[in-house]
Amino acid sequence: MNITELTVHELQEKLKNKELTVTEITKAYVDRINEKEKDVEAFVTTLTDEALEKAKDVQAKIESGEISGDFAGIPIGIKDNMCTKGVKTTCSSKMLENFVAPYDATVVEKLNAENMIDLGKLNMDEFAMGGSTEYSYFKKTKNPWNLNKVPGGSSGGSAAAVSANLVPWALGSDTGGSIRQPASFCGVVGLKPTYGLVSRYGLVAFASSLDQIGPITKDVYDSAMLLNLIAGHDEKDTTSEDMPKKDYTKALKNDVKGLKIGVPKEFFGEGINEEVKASLENVIQEYKNMGAEVEEFSLDIAQYSLATYYIIACAEASSNLGRFDGIRYGYRTPEFKNLKELYKKSRSEGFGDEVKRRIILGTYVLSSGYYDAYYKKAQQVRTLVMNEFNKAFEKYDVILTPTSPTVAFDIGSRSNNPLEMYLADICTVSVNIAGLPGISIPVGVDKEGMPIGMQLIGNRFQEETILNAAYTMEQKLKFRENYKPTFKK
């Protein structure tokens, strides 16, 4: 039995039946990290020694009956933009290279309350800005299916670590597709919850009205379990919704009879790779065979989503990143003559090119004379996008699209062409603009063996509907049984 290939619910079963101990599970993951991390480079900070120590402690407490619970002793990886007390939280930026958080993010508190074991902080695009994890200050994470390809971004470290079995599951954050797109590229499951369902307290902000924390897992059941754990109202986050507690695993019925699925034709047009399209058409046929009602429709506002997203996201980034000035906290330039030079040099040296590009763009659209023409207009279009989705959900339970127009691309092939990189978000950004839940699951591979992802979008707080639709297709396709990462170079 290869411990690191098991899903979390399989690990829980083995722990319950005393077939495995917490120490054995943690050691298996630590060994796997020691073996494969040099190829994948998914971590910014590994906590392997601390994890082994904690595993011994948790195992002893389980045996003495001091602690119990379904998640005690289960390891996890955390994207490096969530504060972890006493551990570096760098956002993969030189600006925060030595920042040690003095408190835990709410989601991290919830994991700690369950006595879960943190294996480390996972690499990402700097301040979550990017779609390939090539914009990290520290390293470029590789895709476990082909080490010459990107893992996607910005949660590329999280998706690559789950795919390579370096962690059983991980937390990512999604501002415009940053959980779903890397999940698609790495052949794993990525869930972006409804805005406000999971607390953002302790998540270093990129674009506050778009950011959302969510799970990246090996299968849909694990996603539902991790969502159970992290969802819930938090008075420390003013955008957190006070919703009744749900058990999302109860929604996984493996039955989609009568489910109404809308397929927006705009997402299957120009720019969508033919193999991605063919895989999705196969899935649509499978849903029909299982008794779902599938219909093509027009979501014509979608074409404006990308421009709207980048105006709003960059404007909010410009505002949120103003605090990193070399005085309050963050990197400070060692040589400066006056206050103006301190600001200028600290920010010039501390931020990478992509972050600077977005700050400049955001500052421009917020500036006097351009605010009405760009930012205000983008917020008006945002309302139109929400209305368009509301109209679609009057008719359909779920909307089905590709997660990404292509499979994972070669490292270095787009990093010098920001526009081409931004266009890769075309299928995912509208979900964040409207604050909706979306899930990506792997549904096939292309002729080179690279995973292809399908995205299911639900109405606000209808996570159960998309989880069940995803689960039912996952059971049918059995992707994990048929395909494995090859680590080819």
Protein backbone atom coordinates (compact mmCIF):
# COMPACT_ATOMS: atom_id res chain seq x y z
CA MET A 1 0.00 0.00 0.00
CA ASN A 2 1.34 3.42 -0.98
CA ILE A 3 0.13 5.68 1.83
CA THR A 4 0.63 8.94 -0.09
CA GLU A 5 -1.67 7.83 -2.92
CA LEU A 6 -4.65 7.45 -0.58
CA THR A 7 -7.36 10.09 -0.38
CA VAL A 8 -8.06 11.70 3.00
CA HIS A 9 -11.26 9.70 3.52
CA GLU A 10 -9.25 6.51 2.87
CA LEU A 11 -6.61 7.66 5.38
CA GLN A 12 -9.35 8.32 7.95
CA GLU A 13 -10.69 4.79 7.45
CA LYS A 14 -7.21 3.29 7.99
CA LEU A 15 -6.67 5.38 11.14
CA LYS A 16 -10.07 4.37 12.51
CA ASN A 17 -9.39 0.68 11.88
CA LYS A 18 -5.90 1.05 13.40
CA GLU A 19 -4.31 -0.13 10.13
CA LEU A 20 -2.17 3.02 10.15
CA THR A 21 -0.93 5.47 12.80
CA VAL A 22 -0.62 9.24 12.50
CA THR A 23 3.16 8.82 12.74
CA GLU A 24 3.24 6.37 9.81
CA ILE A 25 1.10 8.63 7.63
CA THR A 26 3.17 11.75 8.40
CA LYS A 27 6.45 9.90 7.89
CA ALA A 28 5.23 8.63 4.49
CA TYR A 29 4.53 12.22 3.41
CA VAL A 30 7.84 13.51 4.80
CA ASP A 31 9.68 10.77 2.89
CA ARG A 32 7.74 11.65 -0.25
CA ILE A 33 8.64 15.35 0.15
CA ASN A 34 12.30 14.43 0.61
CA GLU A 35 12.14 12.31 -2.55
CA LYS A 36 10.10 14.50 -4.94
CA GLU A 37 10.22 18.12 -3.75
CA LYS A 38 13.54 18.72 -5.55
CA ASP A 39 11.77 17.92 -8.86
CA VAL A 40 8.45 19.68 -8.23
CA GLU A 41 9.55 22.61 -6.01
CA ALA A 42 6.07 23.08 -4.55
CA PHE A 43 7.06 24.41 -1.11
CA VAL A 44 8.40 27.78 0.01
CA THR A 45 8.80 26.51 3.60
CA THR A 46 8.73 22.83 4.60
CA LEU A 47 7.82 21.91 8.18
CA THR A 48 8.84 18.24 8.02
CA ASP A 49 10.65 18.05 11.40
CA GLU A 50 7.84 19.93 13.16
CA ALA A 51 5.28 17.66 11.44
CA LEU A 52 6.99 14.48 12.69
CA GLU A 53 7.12 15.89 16.23
CA LYS A 54 3.46 16.87 16.17
CA ALA A 55 2.50 13.47 14.70
CA LYS A 56 4.04 11.67 17.70
CA ASP A 57 2.21 13.98 20.07
CA VAL A 58 -1.16 13.61 18.29
CA GLN A 59 -0.80 9.81 18.09
CA ALA A 60 -0.09 9.61 21.83
CA LYS A 61 -3.12 11.78 22.60
CA ILE A 62 -5.37 9.68 20.34
CA GLU A 63 -4.21 6.50 22.11
CA SER A 64 -4.81 8.01 25.55
CA GLY A 65 -8.26 9.22 24.47
CA GLU A 66 -7.31 12.85 25.10
CA ILE A 67 -8.28 13.86 21.57
CA SER A 68 -10.58 12.38 18.95
CA GLY A 69 -12.12 13.65 15.76
CA ASP A 70 -12.11 12.70 12.11
CA PHE A 71 -9.24 15.01 11.14
CA ALA A 72 -6.82 14.51 14.04
CA GLY A 73 -3.40 13.67 12.61
CA ILE A 74 -4.29 14.28 8.96
CA PRO A 75 -1.51 16.25 7.19
CA ILE A 76 -2.20 19.30 5.00
CA GLY A 77 -0.33 21.96 2.97
CA ILE A 78 -1.20 25.67 3.10
CA LYS A 79 -0.74 28.28 0.38
CA ASP A 80 1.82 30.84 1.48
CA ASN A 81 -0.60 33.79 1.59
CA MET A 82 -2.45 32.52 4.69
CA CYS A 83 -1.03 33.65 8.02
CA THR A 84 0.43 30.88 10.18
CA LYS A 85 1.58 31.97 13.63
CA GLY A 86 5.32 31.57 14.14
CA VAL A 87 5.90 30.42 10.55
CA LYS A 88 6.98 32.55 7.60
CA THR A 89 4.15 33.87 5.41
CA THR A 90 5.93 35.28 2.35
CA CYS A 91 3.27 35.46 -0.41
CA SER A 92 6.27 34.26 -2.51
CA SER A 93 7.57 37.84 -2.53
CA LYS A 94 10.87 39.45 -1.61
CA MET A 95 8.69 42.09 0.08
CA LEU A 96 7.66 39.55 2.77
CA GLU A 97 10.68 37.25 2.57
CA ASN A 98 11.23 37.32 6.35
CA PHE A 99 7.70 38.07 7.57
CA VAL A 100 6.62 35.73 10.39
CA ALA A 101 2.91 36.08 11.07
CA PRO A 102 2.02 36.90 14.69
CA TYR A 103 -1.40 35.21 14.41
CA ASP A 104 -3.22 32.43 12.54
CA ALA A 105 -5.72 32.97 9.73
CA THR A 106 -9.22 31.77 10.69
CA VAL A 107 -8.95 28.78 8.34
CA VAL A 108 -5.61 27.81 9.95
CA GLU A 109 -7.19 28.12 13.43
CA LYS A 110 -9.87 25.69 12.27
CA LEU A 111 -7.27 23.17 11.05
CA ASN A 112 -5.33 23.48 14.31
CA ALA A 113 -8.50 22.98 16.35
CA GLU A 114 -8.84 19.60 14.61
CA ASN A 115 -5.19 18.70 15.42
CA MET A 116 -4.23 18.50 11.76
CA ILE A 117 -0.55 18.48 10.80
CA ASP A 118 0.89 21.30 8.69
CA LEU A 119 3.52 19.98 6.27
CA GLY A 120 4.51 23.47 5.08
CA LYS A 121 3.73 26.61 3.12
CA LEU A 122 3.19 26.19 -0.62
CA ASN A 123 4.61 28.24 -3.48
CA MET A 124 2.46 30.66 -5.48
CA ASP A 125 2.65 33.57 -7.88
CA GLU A 126 3.82 36.63 -5.95
CA PHE A 127 0.88 38.09 -3.97
CA ALA A 128 -1.34 35.63 -5.93
CA MET A 129 -0.87 37.62 -9.15
CA GLY A 130 -0.32 35.26 -12.07
CA GLY A 131 -1.53 32.09 -13.72
CA SER A 132 1.57 29.90 -13.81
CA THR A 133 3.53 30.16 -10.50
CA GLU A 134 6.41 31.56 -12.58
CA TYR A 135 6.07 34.90 -10.79
CA SER A 136 7.26 33.56 -7.43
CA TYR A 137 10.35 35.32 -6.06
CA PHE A 138 11.74 32.02 -4.72
CA LYS A 139 11.31 29.29 -7.35
CA LYS A 140 9.27 28.08 -10.29
CA THR A 141 7.04 25.15 -9.35
CA LYS A 142 6.88 22.35 -11.95
CA ASN A 143 3.86 20.34 -13.12
CA PRO A 144 4.15 16.71 -11.87
CA TRP A 145 2.66 15.44 -15.17
CA ASN A 146 5.53 17.00 -17.11
CA LEU A 147 8.30 18.90 -15.32
CA ASN A 148 8.78 21.24 -18.30
CA LYS A 149 5.21 22.56 -17.94
CA VAL A 150 3.72 25.08 -15.51
CA PRO A 151 1.38 23.85 -12.76
CA GLY A 152 -0.94 26.84 -13.28
CA GLY A 153 -1.42 29.62 -10.78
CA SER A 154 -1.57 31.36 -8.54
CA SER A 155 -2.13 28.29 -6.29
CA GLY A 156 0.33 26.27 -8.40
CA GLY A 157 2.29 25.02 -5.39
CA SER A 158 -0.89 23.73 -3.74
CA ALA A 159 -2.14 21.93 -6.88
CA ALA A 160 1.30 20.47 -7.73
CA ALA A 161 1.80 19.25 -4.14
CA VAL A 162 -1.55 17.42 -4.12
CA SER A 163 -0.96 16.01 -7.62
CA ALA A 164 2.56 14.79 -6.71
CA ASN A 165 1.28 13.25 -3.44
CA LEU A 166 3.48 15.57 -1.35
CA VAL A 167 0.37 16.47 0.70
CA PRO A 168 -2.98 14.63 0.86
CA TRP A 169 -4.84 17.92 0.33
CA ALA A 170 -4.15 21.66 0.47
CA LEU A 171 -5.70 25.08 0.85
CA GLY A 172 -5.48 27.53 -2.04
CA SER A 173 -6.98 30.95 -2.74
CA ASP A 174 -8.94 31.95 -5.83
CA THR A 175 -9.25 35.55 -7.08
CA GLY A 176 -9.94 34.87 -10.75
CA GLY A 177 -9.43 31.11 -11.11
CA SER A 178 -6.36 30.56 -8.95
CA ILE A 179 -7.68 27.32 -7.43
CA ARG A 180 -9.57 25.94 -10.41
CA GLN A 181 -7.01 26.58 -13.20
CA PRO A 182 -4.02 24.93 -11.43
CA ALA A 183 -6.32 22.06 -10.38
CA SER A 184 -7.17 21.61 -14.06
CA PHE A 185 -3.50 21.75 -15.15
CA CYS A 186 -2.41 19.27 -12.44
CA GLY A 187 -5.29 16.77 -12.74
CA VAL A 188 -6.77 17.33 -9.27
CA VAL A 189 -10.02 18.75 -7.84
CA GLY A 190 -10.24 22.48 -7.04
CA LEU A 191 -13.24 24.13 -5.40
CA LYS A 192 -13.82 27.88 -5.20
CA PRO A 193 -16.62 28.44 -2.66
CA THR A 194 -19.25 31.20 -2.83
CA TYR A 195 -17.80 34.57 -1.80
CA GLY A 196 -18.39 34.97 1.94
CA LEU A 197 -18.75 31.26 2.77
CA VAL A 198 -15.16 30.90 4.01
CA SER A 199 -13.51 33.57 6.18
CA ARG A 200 -10.77 35.64 4.55
CA TYR A 201 -9.38 36.81 7.90
CA GLY A 202 -5.63 36.23 7.80
CA LEU A 203 -5.49 35.83 4.02
CA VAL A 204 -3.08 38.45 2.68
CA ALA A 205 -5.36 40.49 0.42
CA PHE A 206 -4.89 40.79 -3.34
CA ALA A 207 -8.41 41.89 -4.44
CA SER A 208 -10.70 41.89 -1.42
CA SER A 209 -14.02 41.68 -3.28
CA LEU A 210 -12.84 38.68 -5.33
CA ASP A 211 -10.49 36.60 -3.11
CA GLN A 212 -11.79 33.33 -1.66
CA ILE A 213 -10.04 30.44 0.13
CA GLY A 214 -10.90 26.90 -0.96
CA PRO A 215 -9.75 23.27 -1.06
CA ILE A 216 -7.51 21.50 -3.57
CA THR A 217 -7.91 17.73 -3.18
CA LYS A 218 -7.47 14.35 -4.85
CA ASP A 219 -11.20 13.74 -5.20
CA VAL A 220 -14.58 15.42 -4.77
CA TYR A 221 -15.41 13.69 -1.46
CA ASP A 222 -12.27 15.18 0.11
CA SER A 223 -13.27 18.63 -1.23
CA ALA A 224 -16.66 18.35 0.45
CA MET A 225 -14.99 17.31 3.74
CA LEU A 226 -12.47 20.16 3.72
CA LEU A 227 -15.24 22.64 2.87
CA ASN A 228 -17.19 21.35 5.91
CA LEU A 229 -14.16 22.19 7.99
CA ILE A 230 -13.34 25.70 6.72
CA ALA A 231 -16.82 27.10 5.92
CA GLY A 232 -18.69 29.18 8.47
CA HIS A 233 -19.34 32.67 9.76
CA ASP A 234 -16.44 34.65 11.22
CA GLU A 235 -17.06 37.94 13.00
CA LYS A 236 -13.47 38.99 12.23
CA ASP A 237 -14.38 39.12 8.51
CA THR A 238 -17.12 41.64 7.66
CA THR A 239 -17.79 39.96 4.29
CA SER A 240 -18.41 36.57 5.95
CA GLU A 241 -22.00 35.32 5.55
CA ASP A 242 -23.87 33.89 8.52
CA MET A 243 -25.09 30.62 6.99
CA PRO A 244 -26.48 27.53 8.71
CA LYS A 245 -23.83 24.79 9.02
CA LYS A 246 -24.07 22.10 6.33
CA ASP A 247 -22.53 18.68 5.78
CA TYR A 248 -21.51 18.84 2.12
CA THR A 249 -20.62 15.14 1.97
CA LYS A 250 -24.36 14.33 2.29
CA ALA A 251 -24.92 16.00 -1.11
CA LEU A 252 -22.79 13.39 -2.94
CA LYS A 253 -25.52 11.11 -4.25
CA ASN A 254 -24.00 9.87 -7.53
CA ASP A 255 -27.21 10.74 -9.36
CA VAL A 256 -27.90 13.62 -11.78
CA LYS A 257 -31.30 12.55 -13.15
CA GLY A 258 -33.32 15.66 -13.98
CA LEU A 259 -30.38 18.02 -13.29
CA LYS A 260 -30.58 20.99 -15.68
CA ILE A 261 -27.16 21.81 -17.11
CA GLY A 262 -26.58 24.93 -19.19
CA VAL A 263 -23.63 25.04 -21.61
CA PRO A 264 -22.72 28.61 -22.64
CA LYS A 265 -21.66 28.53 -26.30
CA GLU A 266 -19.29 31.51 -25.81
CA PHE A 267 -16.99 29.23 -23.76
CA PHE A 268 -16.62 26.73 -26.60
CA GLY A 269 -15.73 29.16 -29.39
CA GLU A 270 -12.51 30.67 -30.64
CA GLY A 271 -9.37 30.02 -28.60
CA ILE A 272 -10.52 26.75 -27.02
CA ASN A 273 -8.11 23.91 -27.71
CA GLU A 274 -9.73 21.16 -29.85
CA GLU A 275 -8.75 18.33 -27.46
CA VAL A 276 -10.20 20.26 -24.50
CA LYS A 277 -13.40 20.78 -26.50
CA ALA A 278 -13.61 17.08 -27.47
CA SER A 279 -13.15 15.99 -23.82
CA LEU A 280 -15.91 18.34 -22.68
CA GLU A 281 -18.26 17.16 -25.44
CA ASN A 282 -17.69 13.61 -24.24
CA VAL A 283 -18.59 14.66 -20.67
CA ILE A 284 -21.74 16.44 -21.88
CA GLN A 285 -22.82 13.22 -23.63
CA GLU A 286 -22.16 11.24 -20.43
CA TYR A 287 -24.35 13.63 -18.43
CA LYS A 288 -27.14 13.16 -20.97
CA ASN A 289 -26.76 9.37 -20.71
CA MET A 290 -27.11 9.66 -16.93
CA GLY A 291 -30.43 11.49 -17.25
CA ALA A 292 -29.35 15.13 -16.94
CA GLU A 293 -31.00 17.71 -19.19
CA VAL A 294 -28.27 19.55 -21.10
CA GLU A 295 -28.93 22.64 -23.18
CA GLU A 296 -26.74 25.15 -24.99
CA PHE A 297 -27.44 28.82 -24.27
CA SER A 298 -25.84 32.23 -24.66
CA LEU A 299 -24.01 33.99 -21.80
CA ASP A 300 -23.01 36.91 -23.97
CA ILE A 301 -21.78 39.16 -21.14
CA ALA A 302 -18.92 36.68 -20.65
CA GLN A 303 -16.85 38.43 -23.31
CA TYR A 304 -16.61 41.51 -21.08
CA SER A 305 -15.70 39.59 -17.93
CA LEU A 306 -11.95 39.48 -18.49
CA ALA A 307 -11.54 43.25 -18.93
CA THR A 308 -13.88 43.88 -16.00
CA TYR A 309 -11.95 41.47 -13.80
CA TYR A 310 -8.53 42.97 -14.52
CA ILE A 311 -9.73 46.54 -13.89
CA ILE A 312 -11.35 45.66 -10.54
CA ALA A 313 -8.59 43.26 -9.42
CA CYS A 314 -5.76 45.67 -10.25
CA ALA A 315 -7.56 48.61 -8.62
CA GLU A 316 -8.04 46.63 -5.39
CA ALA A 317 -4.45 45.31 -5.57
CA SER A 318 -3.10 48.86 -5.90
CA SER A 319 -5.05 49.83 -2.79
CA ASN A 320 -4.23 46.69 -0.75
CA LEU A 321 -0.51 46.72 -1.53
CA GLY A 322 -0.10 50.36 -0.50
CA ARG A 323 0.76 49.15 3.03
CA PHE A 324 4.02 47.54 1.85
CA ASP A 325 6.15 50.65 1.92
CA GLY A 326 9.34 49.79 3.80
CA ILE A 327 8.11 51.56 6.92
CA ARG A 328 5.12 49.73 8.37
CA TYR A 329 6.30 46.24 7.43
CA GLY A 330 7.83 44.37 4.56
CA TYR A 331 11.21 44.76 2.87
CA ARG A 332 13.12 48.00 3.47
CA THR A 333 15.90 49.14 1.16
CA PRO A 334 19.24 49.37 3.01
CA GLU A 335 20.31 52.65 1.36
CA PHE A 336 18.22 55.81 1.06
CA LYS A 337 18.72 59.55 1.50
CA ASN A 338 15.18 60.68 2.28
CA LEU A 339 11.62 59.45 2.84
CA LYS A 340 10.63 59.59 -0.84
CA GLU A 341 13.65 57.52 -1.82
CA LEU A 342 12.91 55.01 0.97
CA TYR A 343 9.40 54.43 -0.41
CA LYS A 344 10.53 54.29 -4.02
CA LYS A 345 13.50 51.96 -3.56
CA SER A 346 11.75 49.64 -1.06
CA ARG A 347 8.83 49.08 -3.40
CA SER A 348 10.98 48.91 -6.56
CA GLU A 349 13.29 46.31 -5.02
CA GLY A 350 10.63 44.43 -3.01
CA PHE A 351 8.00 43.80 -5.70
CA GLY A 352 8.39 41.70 -8.85
CA ASP A 353 7.49 42.85 -12.39
CA GLU A 354 3.98 41.37 -12.49
CA VAL A 355 2.99 42.93 -9.16
CA LYS A 356 4.35 46.31 -10.29
CA ARG A 357 2.44 46.01 -13.57
CA ARG A 358 -0.84 45.45 -11.73
CA ILE A 359 -0.22 48.18 -9.15
CA ILE A 360 0.47 50.68 -11.95
CA LEU A 361 -2.60 49.58 -13.90
CA GLY A 362 -4.74 49.73 -10.75
CA THR A 363 -3.47 53.16 -9.75
CA TYR A 364 -4.19 54.41 -13.27
CA VAL A 365 -7.82 53.23 -13.35
CA LEU A 366 -8.44 54.77 -9.91
CA SER A 367 -6.82 58.10 -10.73
CA SER A 368 -8.73 61.33 -11.17
CA GLY A 369 -10.02 61.63 -14.74
CA TYR A 370 -9.95 57.87 -15.41
CA TYR A 371 -11.99 56.58 -12.45
CA ASP A 372 -15.37 57.05 -14.18
CA ALA A 373 -14.14 55.77 -17.54
CA TYR A 374 -12.65 52.55 -16.18
CA TYR A 375 -13.27 51.59 -12.55
CA LYS A 376 -16.84 52.86 -12.28
CA LYS A 377 -17.72 51.30 -15.64
CA ALA A 378 -16.17 47.97 -14.60
CA GLN A 379 -18.33 47.94 -11.45
CA GLN A 380 -21.42 48.59 -13.60
CA VAL A 381 -20.48 45.72 -15.92
CA ARG A 382 -19.96 43.56 -12.83
CA THR A 383 -23.63 44.12 -11.96
CA LEU A 384 -24.60 43.10 -15.53
CA VAL A 385 -22.53 39.90 -15.19
CA MET A 386 -24.30 39.06 -11.91
CA ASN A 387 -27.71 39.72 -13.50
CA GLU A 388 -26.83 37.54 -16.49
CA PHE A 389 -25.91 34.64 -14.19
CA ASN A 390 -29.07 35.16 -12.11
CA LYS A 391 -31.10 34.90 -15.32
CA ALA A 392 -29.25 31.70 -16.31
CA PHE A 393 -29.86 30.12 -12.89
CA GLU A 394 -33.60 30.68 -13.22
CA LYS A 395 -33.40 28.03 -15.93
CA TYR A 396 -30.39 25.85 -15.06
CA ASP A 397 -29.06 24.22 -11.87
CA VAL A 398 -25.45 24.12 -13.09
CA ILE A 399 -23.40 25.80 -15.83
CA LEU A 400 -20.72 23.67 -17.51
CA THR A 401 -17.59 25.13 -19.16
CA PRO A 402 -13.94 24.21 -19.69
CA THR A 403 -11.80 25.28 -16.71
CA SER A 404 -9.08 26.56 -19.02
CA PRO A 405 -9.05 26.99 -22.82
CA THR A 406 -5.83 24.90 -22.95
CA VAL A 407 -3.87 22.32 -21.01
CA ALA A 408 -0.72 23.30 -19.07
CA PHE A 409 1.76 25.23 -21.22
CA ASP A 410 5.57 25.16 -21.26
CA ILE A 411 7.49 27.02 -18.56
CA GLY A 412 8.68 30.33 -20.01
CA SER A 413 6.35 30.26 -23.03
CA ARG A 414 4.00 33.01 -21.77
CA SER A 415 5.76 34.75 -18.91
CA ASN A 416 6.99 37.51 -21.22
CA ASN A 417 3.56 38.02 -22.76
CA PRO A 418 1.20 39.24 -19.99
CA LEU A 419 -1.77 39.56 -22.34
CA GLU A 420 -1.56 35.92 -23.40
CA MET A 421 -1.25 34.92 -19.72
CA TYR A 422 -4.34 37.01 -18.81
CA LEU A 423 -6.38 35.41 -21.62
CA ALA A 424 -5.88 32.00 -19.98
CA ASP A 425 -8.31 33.19 -17.24
CA ILE A 426 -11.17 33.67 -19.69
CA CYS A 427 -13.23 30.72 -18.37
CA THR A 428 -12.83 31.36 -14.66
CA VAL A 429 -12.93 35.11 -13.88
CA SER A 430 -16.68 35.65 -14.32
CA VAL A 431 -17.31 33.28 -11.36
CA ASN A 432 -15.35 35.58 -9.03
CA ILE A 433 -16.95 38.73 -10.45
CA ALA A 434 -20.37 37.31 -9.59
CA GLY A 435 -19.23 35.73 -6.27
CA LEU A 436 -20.42 32.26 -7.34
CA PRO A 437 -19.10 28.79 -6.43
CA GLY A 438 -17.16 26.83 -9.06
CA ILE A 439 -15.41 23.46 -9.12
CA SER A 440 -12.87 21.98 -11.52
CA ILE A 441 -12.44 18.23 -11.91
CA PRO A 442 -10.17 16.32 -14.32
CA VAL A 443 -12.11 14.69 -17.17
CA GLY A 444 -9.38 13.37 -19.49
CA VAL A 445 -5.93 13.94 -20.94
CA ASP A 446 -4.66 15.26 -24.27
CA LYS A 447 -2.40 13.32 -26.66
CA GLU A 448 0.67 14.38 -24.65
CA GLY A 449 -0.92 12.99 -21.48
CA MET A 450 -1.65 16.40 -19.89
CA PRO A 451 -4.86 16.67 -17.80
CA ILE A 452 -7.97 18.46 -19.05
CA GLY A 453 -10.34 20.10 -16.55
CA MET A 454 -14.10 20.69 -16.56
CA GLN A 455 -15.63 23.56 -14.59
CA LEU A 456 -19.09 23.44 -13.03
CA ILE A 457 -20.57 26.75 -11.82
CA GLY A 458 -23.44 26.92 -9.32
CA ASN A 459 -25.73 29.61 -7.98
CA ARG A 460 -24.72 31.40 -4.76
CA PHE A 461 -24.40 28.98 -1.81
CA GLN A 462 -25.41 26.02 -4.02
CA GLU A 463 -22.16 24.14 -3.38
CA GLU A 464 -24.10 20.90 -2.87
CA THR A 465 -25.40 20.98 -6.46
CA ILE A 466 -22.00 21.38 -8.12
CA LEU A 467 -20.32 18.95 -5.71
CA ASN A 468 -22.87 16.24 -6.55
CA ALA A 469 -22.66 16.89 -10.31
CA ALA A 470 -18.84 16.74 -10.09
CA TYR A 471 -18.91 13.63 -7.87
CA THR A 472 -21.26 11.79 -10.22
CA MET A 473 -19.01 12.45 -13.23
CA GLU A 474 -15.89 11.56 -11.22
CA GLN A 475 -17.42 8.17 -10.32
CA LYS A 476 -18.19 7.57 -13.99
CA LEU A 477 -14.81 8.58 -15.46
CA LYS A 478 -12.57 7.17 -12.67
CA PHE A 479 -9.78 9.57 -13.67
CA ARG A 480 -7.51 8.78 -10.69
CA GLU A 481 -7.63 5.05 -11.42
CA ASN A 482 -6.76 5.54 -15.08
CA TYR A 483 -4.15 8.33 -15.04
CA LYS A 484 -1.17 9.21 -12.86
CA PRO A 485 1.46 11.99 -13.00
CA THR A 486 4.60 10.77 -14.78
CA PHE A 487 7.20 13.36 -13.61
CA LYS A 488 8.66 13.22 -17.13
CA LYS A 489 11.43 15.72 -17.92
